[in-house]
Protein backbone atom coordinates (compact mmCIF):
# COMPACT_ATOMS: atom_id res chain seq x y z
CA MET A 1 -3.49 -90.33 -0.68
CA SER A 2 -0.54 -88.10 -0.36
CA GLY A 3 2.09 -88.20 2.23
CA PRO A 4 2.65 -85.48 4.43
CA VAL A 5 3.02 -81.79 3.30
CA ASN A 6 6.22 -80.01 4.77
CA VAL A 7 4.90 -76.77 6.64
CA GLY A 8 7.97 -74.08 6.94
CA VAL A 9 7.89 -71.87 10.38
CA ILE A 10 9.47 -68.79 10.87
CA THR A 11 9.76 -67.08 14.27
CA ALA A 12 9.15 -63.51 14.21
CA GLU A 13 11.82 -61.21 15.63
CA THR A 14 11.79 -57.68 16.79
CA GLN A 15 14.04 -55.58 15.25
CA ASN A 16 14.56 -52.10 14.12
CA VAL A 17 14.14 -50.98 10.50
CA PRO A 18 15.71 -48.23 8.95
CA PHE A 19 13.02 -45.06 7.72
CA THR A 20 14.27 -43.37 5.19
CA VAL A 21 12.85 -40.01 4.34
CA THR A 22 13.65 -38.08 1.09
CA LEU A 23 13.86 -34.34 1.56
CA PRO A 24 14.29 -31.67 -1.72
CA ALA A 25 17.60 -29.92 -1.57
CA ARG A 26 19.09 -27.09 -3.72
CA ALA A 27 23.11 -26.68 -3.85
CA VAL A 28 24.39 -23.35 -2.28
CA ALA A 29 27.10 -21.86 -3.61
CA PHE A 30 29.84 -20.49 -1.16
CA GLN A 31 29.83 -17.34 -2.62
CA ASP A 32 27.66 -15.56 -5.44
CA ALA A 33 29.19 -11.80 -6.87
CA LYS A 34 26.22 -10.07 -7.83
CA ILE A 35 27.63 -7.81 -10.84
CA ARG A 36 26.45 -4.59 -10.75
CA PRO A 37 27.37 -0.74 -12.50
CA THR A 38 28.93 1.86 -10.27
CA VAL A 39 27.77 4.37 -12.88
CA GLU A 40 25.21 4.95 -15.46
CA GLY A 41 25.71 4.52 -19.30
CA ILE A 42 24.47 2.41 -22.15
CA VAL A 43 26.35 -1.24 -22.12
CA GLU A 44 28.50 -1.27 -25.05
CA SER A 45 30.22 -4.80 -25.16
CA VAL A 46 29.62 -7.69 -23.23
CA ASP A 47 33.00 -9.06 -22.68
CA TYR A 48 32.56 -12.69 -21.64
CA GLU A 49 31.58 -15.96 -22.20
CA PRO A 50 28.23 -17.20 -20.18
CA GLY A 51 29.52 -20.25 -18.25
CA ALA A 52 32.66 -19.96 -18.20
CA ARG A 53 35.36 -19.52 -15.46
CA VAL A 54 36.35 -16.03 -14.82
CA SER A 55 39.14 -15.12 -12.36
CA ALA A 56 39.26 -11.33 -10.05
CA GLY A 57 39.99 -8.88 -12.13
CA ASP A 58 38.77 -9.99 -15.63
CA LEU A 59 36.55 -7.85 -17.76
CA MET A 60 32.51 -8.41 -17.74
CA PHE A 61 30.76 -5.71 -19.47
CA THR A 62 31.93 -2.38 -21.01
CA LEU A 63 30.02 0.73 -20.94
CA ARG A 64 29.94 3.83 -23.46
CA LYS A 65 32.80 6.14 -22.11
CA ASP A 66 32.36 9.17 -24.70
CA ARG A 67 30.19 10.79 -21.58
CA TYR A 68 32.51 10.14 -18.97
CA ALA A 69 35.77 11.08 -21.13
CA ALA A 70 33.84 14.39 -21.83
CA ALA A 71 33.58 14.62 -18.42
CA ALA A 72 37.00 14.39 -17.33
CA ALA A 73 38.45 16.99 -20.18
CA ALA A 74 36.10 19.19 -19.06
CA ALA A 75 37.43 18.44 -15.25
CA ARG A 76 41.00 19.10 -16.62
CA ALA A 77 40.03 22.16 -18.40
CA GLU A 78 38.37 23.60 -15.10
CA THR A 79 41.69 22.50 -13.60
CA ALA A 80 43.25 24.55 -15.90
CA GLY A 81 41.35 27.24 -15.51
CA ALA A 82 42.11 27.16 -11.92
CA GLN A 83 45.78 26.86 -11.86
CA GLY A 84 45.56 30.20 -14.17
CA ALA A 85 43.20 31.80 -11.89
CA VAL A 86 46.04 31.01 -9.25
CA ASP A 87 48.86 32.00 -11.22
CA SER A 88 47.05 35.45 -11.88
CA ALA A 89 46.26 36.30 -8.40
CA GLN A 90 50.08 34.77 -7.10
CA LYS A 91 51.36 37.44 -9.56
CA THR A 92 48.73 39.89 -8.49
CA VAL A 93 50.20 39.19 -4.82
CA ASP A 94 54.11 39.39 -5.57
CA ARG A 95 53.61 42.59 -7.23
CA TYR A 96 51.34 44.03 -4.71
CA ARG A 97 54.28 42.99 -1.97
CA GLU A 98 56.98 44.66 -3.92
CA LEU A 99 55.18 47.84 -4.07
CA VAL A 100 54.06 48.06 -0.11
CA GLY A 101 55.08 51.04 0.91
CA SER A 102 55.23 52.45 -2.54
CA GLY A 103 51.87 53.57 -3.32
CA VAL A 104 50.42 50.15 -2.15
CA THR A 105 48.79 50.04 1.55
CA GLN A 106 48.37 46.67 3.36
CA ALA A 107 44.54 47.53 2.69
CA ASP A 108 45.32 46.95 -0.95
CA LEU A 109 46.84 43.03 -0.40
CA ASP A 110 44.85 41.89 2.05
CA PRO A 111 41.80 41.74 -0.86
CA ALA A 112 44.42 40.37 -2.97
CA GLU A 113 46.09 37.22 -0.93
CA ALA A 114 42.39 36.80 0.21
CA ALA A 115 41.79 36.22 -3.48
CA LEU A 116 45.08 33.66 -3.94
CA LEU A 117 43.59 31.45 -1.44
CA GLN A 118 40.16 31.05 -2.85
CA ALA A 119 41.80 30.72 -6.06
CA LYS A 120 43.77 28.32 -4.65
CA ALA A 121 41.07 26.18 -2.85
CA THR A 122 39.00 26.44 -6.35
CA LEU A 123 42.29 24.62 -8.18
CA SER A 124 42.11 22.11 -5.27
CA SER A 125 38.55 21.73 -5.38
CA ALA A 126 39.15 21.26 -9.57
CA ASN A 127 41.71 18.91 -9.02
CA SER A 128 39.33 16.47 -6.91
CA ALA A 129 36.86 16.62 -9.34
CA VAL A 130 39.71 15.22 -12.06
CA THR A 131 39.88 12.21 -9.51
CA VAL A 132 36.33 11.46 -9.40
CA ALA A 133 35.92 11.88 -13.03
CA ASP A 134 38.58 9.71 -13.72
CA LEU A 135 36.95 6.95 -11.09
CA ASP A 136 33.60 7.33 -13.28
CA LEU A 137 35.54 6.86 -16.37
CA THR A 138 37.20 3.62 -14.95
CA GLY A 139 33.69 2.56 -13.74
CA THR A 140 32.81 1.98 -17.03
CA GLU A 141 34.97 -1.27 -17.37
CA ILE A 142 33.35 -3.62 -14.74
CA CYS A 143 35.25 -6.41 -13.66
CA SER A 144 34.36 -9.58 -11.56
CA PRO A 145 35.45 -9.16 -8.04
CA ILE A 146 36.04 -12.87 -7.51
CA ASP A 147 37.04 -15.91 -9.24
CA GLY A 148 34.16 -18.93 -10.51
CA ILE A 149 31.87 -19.02 -12.93
CA SER A 150 29.92 -16.40 -14.75
CA SER A 151 26.18 -16.83 -15.58
CA VAL A 152 24.12 -15.80 -18.03
CA ALA A 153 24.22 -11.85 -18.57
CA ALA A 154 20.75 -10.35 -17.77
CA ILE A 155 21.35 -7.29 -19.77
CA SER A 156 22.37 -7.15 -23.86
CA VAL A 157 24.50 -4.92 -26.14
CA GLY A 158 22.52 -1.21 -26.11
CA ALA A 159 20.69 -1.94 -22.78
CA VAL A 160 20.71 1.09 -20.28
CA VAL A 161 22.08 0.53 -16.67
CA THR A 162 22.36 2.75 -13.52
CA ALA A 163 24.46 2.67 -10.87
CA ASN A 164 24.28 0.74 -7.40
CA GLN A 165 21.23 -0.71 -9.33
CA THR A 166 19.02 -3.26 -7.81
CA ASP A 167 19.27 -6.09 -10.81
CA ALA A 168 22.61 -7.31 -11.49
CA LEU A 169 23.80 -7.09 -14.51
CA ALA A 170 25.17 -10.74 -14.03
CA THR A 171 26.85 -13.43 -11.46
CA VAL A 172 29.69 -14.71 -10.54
CA THR A 173 29.65 -18.13 -8.19
CA ARG A 174 32.60 -19.76 -6.49
CA LEU A 175 31.59 -23.45 -6.09
CA ASP A 176 34.49 -23.94 -3.98
CA PRO A 177 33.26 -25.40 -1.21
CA ILE A 178 29.65 -25.96 -2.17
CA TYR A 179 26.57 -26.71 0.05
CA ILE A 180 23.31 -28.75 -0.02
CA ASP A 181 20.56 -26.62 1.96
CA MET A 182 17.35 -28.80 2.24
CA THR A 183 13.90 -27.27 4.11
CA GLU A 184 10.74 -29.33 4.75
CA SER A 185 7.21 -28.21 5.79
CA SER A 186 4.28 -28.79 8.00
CA ALA A 187 2.95 -31.59 6.25
CA ARG A 188 5.88 -33.59 6.61
CA MET A 189 6.40 -33.13 10.29
CA LEU A 190 2.48 -34.25 10.23
CA ARG A 191 3.25 -37.30 7.96
CA VAL A 192 6.67 -38.59 10.17
CA ARG A 193 4.18 -38.16 13.39
CA ALA A 194 1.49 -40.60 11.51
CA GLN A 195 4.01 -42.85 10.89
CA GLU A 196 5.88 -42.73 13.78
CA ASN A 197 1.98 -43.39 15.55
CA ALA A 198 1.87 -47.14 12.92
CA GLY A 199 5.07 -47.71 13.80
CA ALA A 200 6.65 -47.13 10.66
CA ALA A 201 8.90 -44.23 12.20
CA SER A 202 11.28 -43.82 14.57
CA GLU A 203 11.43 -41.28 17.83
CA LEU A 204 14.55 -39.63 16.42
CA ASP A 205 12.60 -39.10 12.65
CA ARG A 206 9.86 -37.34 14.62
CA VAL A 207 12.34 -34.91 16.43
CA GLN A 208 14.23 -34.26 13.66
CA ALA A 209 10.75 -32.91 12.08
CA GLN A 210 9.64 -31.00 13.91
CA ALA A 211 12.68 -29.29 14.47
CA LEU A 212 12.49 -28.69 10.96
CA LEU A 213 8.94 -27.33 11.41
CA GLU A 214 10.44 -24.86 13.90
CA GLU A 215 13.04 -23.77 11.70
CA ALA A 216 10.41 -23.25 9.35
CA ARG A 217 8.17 -20.94 11.88
CA ALA A 218 11.69 -19.13 12.71
CA SER A 219 11.09 -17.28 9.49
CA LEU A 220 8.34 -15.61 10.71
CA PRO A 221 10.07 -13.12 12.38
CA ALA A 222 11.30 -11.54 9.74
CA LEU A 223 8.12 -11.44 7.42
CA GLU A 224 6.58 -9.70 10.93
CA THR A 225 9.72 -7.31 10.95
CA GLY A 226 8.87 -6.07 7.12
CA PHE A 227 5.64 -5.52 7.49
CA GLU A 228 6.24 -3.04 10.66
CA ASN A 229 9.17 -1.50 8.77
CA ALA A 230 7.22 -0.93 5.96
CA VAL A 231 4.60 0.79 8.70
CA TYR A 232 7.09 2.98 9.87
CA GLY A 233 7.91 3.81 6.57
CA ILE A 234 4.46 4.51 5.78
CA ALA A 235 3.86 6.56 9.06
CA THR A 236 6.85 8.82 8.48
CA LEU A 237 5.72 9.70 4.75
CA LEU A 238 2.45 10.69 6.17
CA ALA A 239 3.60 13.02 9.06
CA GLU A 240 1.25 10.37 11.39
CA PRO A 241 2.04 8.25 14.46
CA ALA A 242 3.22 5.02 13.95
CA GLY A 243 0.54 3.23 16.64
CA PRO A 244 -2.84 3.56 15.06
CA LEU A 245 -1.80 3.00 11.57
CA MET A 246 0.06 0.23 12.91
CA ALA A 247 -3.26 -1.13 14.46
CA ASP A 248 -5.26 -0.42 11.55
CA LEU A 249 -3.25 -1.99 8.60
CA ARG A 250 -3.45 -4.97 10.94
CA LYS A 251 -6.78 -5.71 10.05
CA GLY A 252 -6.21 -6.07 6.66
CA ALA A 253 -7.60 -5.17 3.37
CA PRO A 254 -8.02 -6.45 -0.57
CA GLN A 255 -4.80 -5.88 -2.38
CA PRO A 256 -4.94 -2.88 -4.50
CA TYR A 257 -5.12 -3.89 -8.29
CA PRO A 258 -5.45 -1.62 -11.28
CA LYS A 259 -8.48 -2.24 -13.27
CA GLY A 260 -7.97 -0.35 -16.24
CA GLY A 261 -5.04 -0.51 -18.70
CA SER A 262 -1.86 1.02 -18.85
CA ALA A 263 -3.26 3.55 -20.71
CA ALA A 264 0.65 4.88 -21.50
CA GLY A 265 0.31 6.73 -24.68
CA VAL A 266 3.01 8.12 -26.70
CA PRO A 267 6.13 8.04 -24.37
CA ALA A 268 7.86 10.60 -26.33
CA ASP A 269 5.44 12.73 -25.46
CA LEU A 270 5.34 12.07 -21.85
CA PHE A 271 9.19 12.51 -21.02
CA ARG A 272 8.35 16.12 -20.99
CA ASN A 273 6.74 15.60 -17.85
CA ARG A 274 10.05 13.98 -15.75
CA SER A 275 11.31 16.49 -13.89
CA ASP A 276 14.49 14.64 -15.03
CA VAL A 277 14.26 15.40 -18.61
CA ARG A 278 13.43 19.11 -17.76
CA ALA A 279 16.12 19.56 -15.65
CA SER A 280 18.74 18.02 -17.89
CA GLU A 281 17.17 20.54 -20.32
CA ARG A 282 17.43 23.31 -18.55
CA LYS A 283 21.05 21.99 -17.30
CA LEU A 284 21.82 22.31 -21.14
CA ALA A 285 20.29 25.56 -22.08
CA ALA A 286 22.34 27.00 -18.97
CA ALA A 287 25.51 24.95 -19.97
CA VAL A 288 25.21 26.48 -23.70
CA ALA A 289 24.42 29.87 -22.64
CA ASN A 290 27.64 29.79 -20.32
CA VAL A 291 29.87 28.92 -23.88
CA GLY A 292 28.64 32.00 -25.34
CA ILE A 293 29.31 34.11 -22.49
CA ALA A 294 33.07 32.57 -22.45
CA GLU A 295 33.70 33.44 -25.39
CA ALA A 296 32.65 37.26 -24.91
CA ASP A 297 35.03 37.63 -22.59
CA LEU A 298 37.69 36.84 -24.87
CA TYR A 299 37.31 40.08 -26.76
CA PRO A 300 37.40 43.51 -25.82
CA SER A 301 34.39 45.57 -24.03
CA VAL A 302 33.59 49.04 -23.82
CA SER A 303 31.48 50.67 -21.31
CA LEU A 304 30.26 54.00 -20.39
CA THR A 305 30.05 55.33 -16.85
CA GLY A 306 29.02 58.71 -15.61
CA THR A 307 28.91 60.46 -12.45
CA VAL A 308 26.22 63.23 -11.14
CA THR A 309 26.62 65.68 -8.37
CA ALA A 310 23.76 67.09 -6.15
CA ALA A 311 21.74 69.74 -7.16
CA GLY A 312 23.47 73.04 -7.13
CA ASN A 313 27.06 72.15 -7.45
CA GLY A 314 26.57 71.96 -11.08
CA SER A 315 29.26 69.45 -11.64
CA TRP A 316 28.72 66.04 -14.03
CA GLY A 317 31.19 63.57 -15.54
CA PHE A 318 30.52 60.88 -18.45
CA GLY A 319 32.98 58.74 -20.56
CA PRO A 320 33.40 55.70 -21.93
CA SER A 321 35.95 53.03 -20.56
CA LEU A 322 37.80 50.33 -23.07
CA SER A 323 38.62 46.54 -21.53
CA LEU A 324 41.33 45.09 -23.20
CA PRO A 325 42.13 41.11 -22.15
CA VAL A 326 45.27 40.83 -22.79
CA ALA A 327 46.77 39.77 -20.13
CA SER A 328 44.92 36.79 -18.82
CA GLN A 329 43.79 35.44 -22.73
CA SER A 330 45.30 32.37 -21.41
CA ARG A 331 42.96 32.12 -18.45
CA LEU A 332 39.81 33.24 -20.42
CA ARG A 333 40.39 30.73 -23.32
CA ALA A 334 40.71 28.08 -20.62
CA SER A 335 37.42 28.78 -19.21
CA ARG A 336 36.07 29.18 -22.86
CA ALA A 337 37.34 25.26 -23.24
CA GLN A 338 35.96 24.15 -19.78
CA ALA A 339 32.57 26.32 -20.81
CA ILE A 340 32.37 24.38 -24.26
CA SER A 341 33.58 20.76 -22.20
CA GLN A 342 30.44 21.45 -20.00
CA ALA A 343 28.37 22.16 -22.62
CA LYS A 344 29.37 18.30 -24.32
CA GLN A 345 29.17 16.61 -21.07
CA ALA A 346 25.41 18.33 -20.91
CA GLU A 347 24.05 17.40 -24.19
CA LEU A 348 25.70 13.90 -23.62
CA ASP A 349 23.20 13.58 -19.95
CA TRP A 350 20.31 15.05 -21.92
CA ARG A 351 20.58 12.18 -24.06
CA ALA A 352 21.49 9.79 -21.54
CA GLN A 353 18.34 11.25 -19.58
CA ILE A 354 15.96 10.65 -22.56
CA LEU A 355 17.40 7.18 -23.17
CA ASN A 356 17.01 5.90 -19.28
CA ALA A 357 13.22 7.53 -20.01
CA VAL A 358 12.73 5.31 -22.97
CA GLU A 359 14.52 2.37 -20.79
CA ASP A 360 12.64 3.01 -18.10
CA THR A 361 8.96 3.00 -20.11
CA GLN A 362 9.72 0.23 -22.30
CA SER A 363 11.01 -1.86 -19.10
CA ALA A 364 7.70 -0.90 -17.10
CA GLN A 365 5.43 -1.86 -20.09
CA SER A 366 7.44 -5.03 -20.62
CA ALA A 367 6.61 -6.22 -16.82
CA TYR A 368 3.22 -4.80 -16.83
CA ARG A 369 2.15 -7.31 -19.79
CA ARG A 370 4.56 -10.47 -17.89
CA ASN A 371 2.41 -9.66 -15.00
CA GLN A 372 -0.99 -9.32 -16.49
CA ARG A 373 -0.28 -13.16 -17.98
CA ALA A 374 1.52 -14.33 -15.09
CA LEU A 375 -1.38 -13.11 -13.39
CA ALA A 376 -4.36 -15.11 -15.43
CA THR A 377 -2.09 -18.07 -15.56
CA PHE A 378 -1.75 -18.41 -11.82
CA ARG A 379 -5.43 -17.70 -10.53
CA SER A 380 -6.58 -20.44 -13.21
CA THR A 381 -3.89 -22.87 -11.54
CA SER A 382 -5.52 -22.04 -8.23
CA ALA A 383 -8.92 -22.64 -9.59
CA SER A 384 -7.38 -26.09 -10.03
CA TYR A 385 -5.90 -26.97 -7.02
CA ALA A 386 -9.32 -25.49 -5.47
CA ARG A 387 -10.97 -28.20 -7.16
CA ALA A 388 -8.48 -30.36 -6.56
CA LEU A 389 -8.81 -29.68 -2.79
CA GLU A 390 -12.60 -30.46 -3.28
CA LEU A 391 -12.31 -33.91 -4.31
CA SER A 392 -9.71 -34.74 -1.92
CA ARG A 393 -12.05 -33.78 0.85
CA ALA A 394 -14.92 -35.87 -0.54
CA THR A 395 -12.48 -38.96 -0.86
CA TYR A 396 -11.03 -38.21 2.53
CA SER A 397 -14.80 -38.26 4.11
CA ALA A 398 -15.78 -41.30 2.14
CA GLY A 399 -12.77 -43.36 3.41
CA THR A 400 -11.10 -43.44 -0.02
CA THR A 401 -7.97 -41.36 1.08
CA ASP A 402 -5.54 -40.82 4.03
CA LEU A 403 -5.02 -37.59 6.11
CA LEU A 404 -2.15 -37.17 4.74
CA ASN A 405 -2.97 -36.98 0.84
CA LEU A 406 -5.57 -34.08 1.76
CA LEU A 407 -3.04 -32.55 4.01
CA ASP A 408 -1.23 -32.38 0.62
CA ALA A 409 -3.98 -30.54 -1.11
CA GLU A 410 -4.48 -28.11 1.12
CA MET A 411 -0.64 -27.03 1.17
CA SER A 412 -0.85 -26.70 -2.40
CA ARG A 413 -3.70 -24.73 -2.70
CA SER A 414 -1.78 -22.15 0.03
CA THR A 415 1.14 -22.09 -1.93
CA VAL A 416 -0.99 -21.21 -5.32
CA ARG A 417 -2.86 -18.97 -3.33
CA LEU A 418 0.58 -17.25 -2.21
CA SER A 419 1.60 -17.00 -5.72
CA VAL A 420 -1.34 -15.39 -6.55
CA ALA A 421 -1.01 -12.34 -3.93
CA GLY A 422 2.70 -12.13 -4.88
CA ASP A 423 1.74 -11.81 -8.75
CA ALA A 424 -1.24 -9.22 -8.05
CA GLN A 425 1.13 -7.60 -6.01
CA ASN A 426 3.87 -7.32 -9.00
CA LEU A 427 1.58 -6.37 -11.31
CA THR A 428 0.46 -3.35 -9.08
CA ASN A 429 3.80 -2.41 -8.68
CA SER A 430 4.56 -2.57 -12.44
CA TRP A 431 1.59 -0.76 -13.38
CA ILE A 432 2.99 1.96 -10.47
CA ASN A 433 6.45 2.24 -12.34
CA LEU A 434 4.67 2.89 -15.52
CA GLN A 435 2.84 5.63 -14.40
CA VAL A 436 6.49 6.77 -12.64
CA SER A 437 8.59 6.37 -15.89
CA THR A 438 5.81 8.41 -18.12
CA GLY A 439 5.75 11.54 -15.40
CA ARG A 440 2.19 10.85 -14.99
CA GLY A 441 2.77 10.65 -11.17
CA TRP A 442 -0.06 11.03 -9.10
CA ALA A 443 -2.48 12.55 -11.81
CA ALA A 444 -2.84 8.63 -12.96
CA THR A 445 -5.65 6.78 -11.38
CA PRO A 446 -5.70 2.62 -11.14
């Protein structure tokens, strides 16, 4: 028979056990600078290495300069013509002032002085145009505004960009200092509360989770503000009171969805429907015509004039007159150079409008196809999450899973439904952009 068995005894004591909650977080930079162009044009070069450190003022992108160089040359030619007009008007005024009292009256001098003032105002406007043209030419070199780490370029050489466009060409991130941003969901709040009731969480944990939940709820007013602002914009567009429209839109409705295809056709055949392309064509034609007018002004002109008196007097007059623009040749040649520069600029503007139309159509078609694929993927994902939610409800009813798992499944299902709604909106917007880019506009039907 064996001896007595030693039995250990441990006295249970109440003590605090730390409760750790792991939260998803993301690093937030101290400052992000979105690199956007101040002028439109075609990207000629990308002048930095992605991921490299850049300093404020470092060149990042270069746009084609020929268009803006031509505009600057045209502005300077216009300034030269305006200066010639000022010199001519000044000589006329000086000559009239010397002859006042000797065949020239004050009535002759006043229009000459007014013409001089107008010529000086035109010269001042031309000088301002030179300043603006130089600024636009400088804008073809896009530099970093801050020190930081550069991102991958969102565009490549040959891409068409617009002034102050929404999409940034790149981002420069300043990482000194850096912040950590953490968010939490209502499901986590419910989980913490259940753990607290079971004795696994403290009051502090519950209060912290409640604070995070209230923070998430605080984001709702911004969404409501966006909805109301959109309604006010629609009311202004329709010239209708916002009140009835607000009440009608609050009822909700199915999202608009393009049921057919893009039906874009051949873009080159549709670009002439665009008002910007037609306007640039007419401006080019007018600029070319002005070159011919300026060229004709350089040569002598002959005009035939005549007078006929009232019946019974028996007098009449008829004879030619010859105009020789000898003294104003410098001004006229400057005007011709200005007209040629303006025609070249108009041609570059027309080409830029065509390139913009091509780029808009290609981007819209690409976005439409991508959004179609994304929406199909999210709809398939939504069906999978719906099935997972059904299984979670069944297992919860059978008592084989807890409430928190069911809540997680419901939350995942809600999240993917929001993604489906967002992608449906993106698809509709891309379809609208495609119709606008090809000039179909109101004639298109979804």
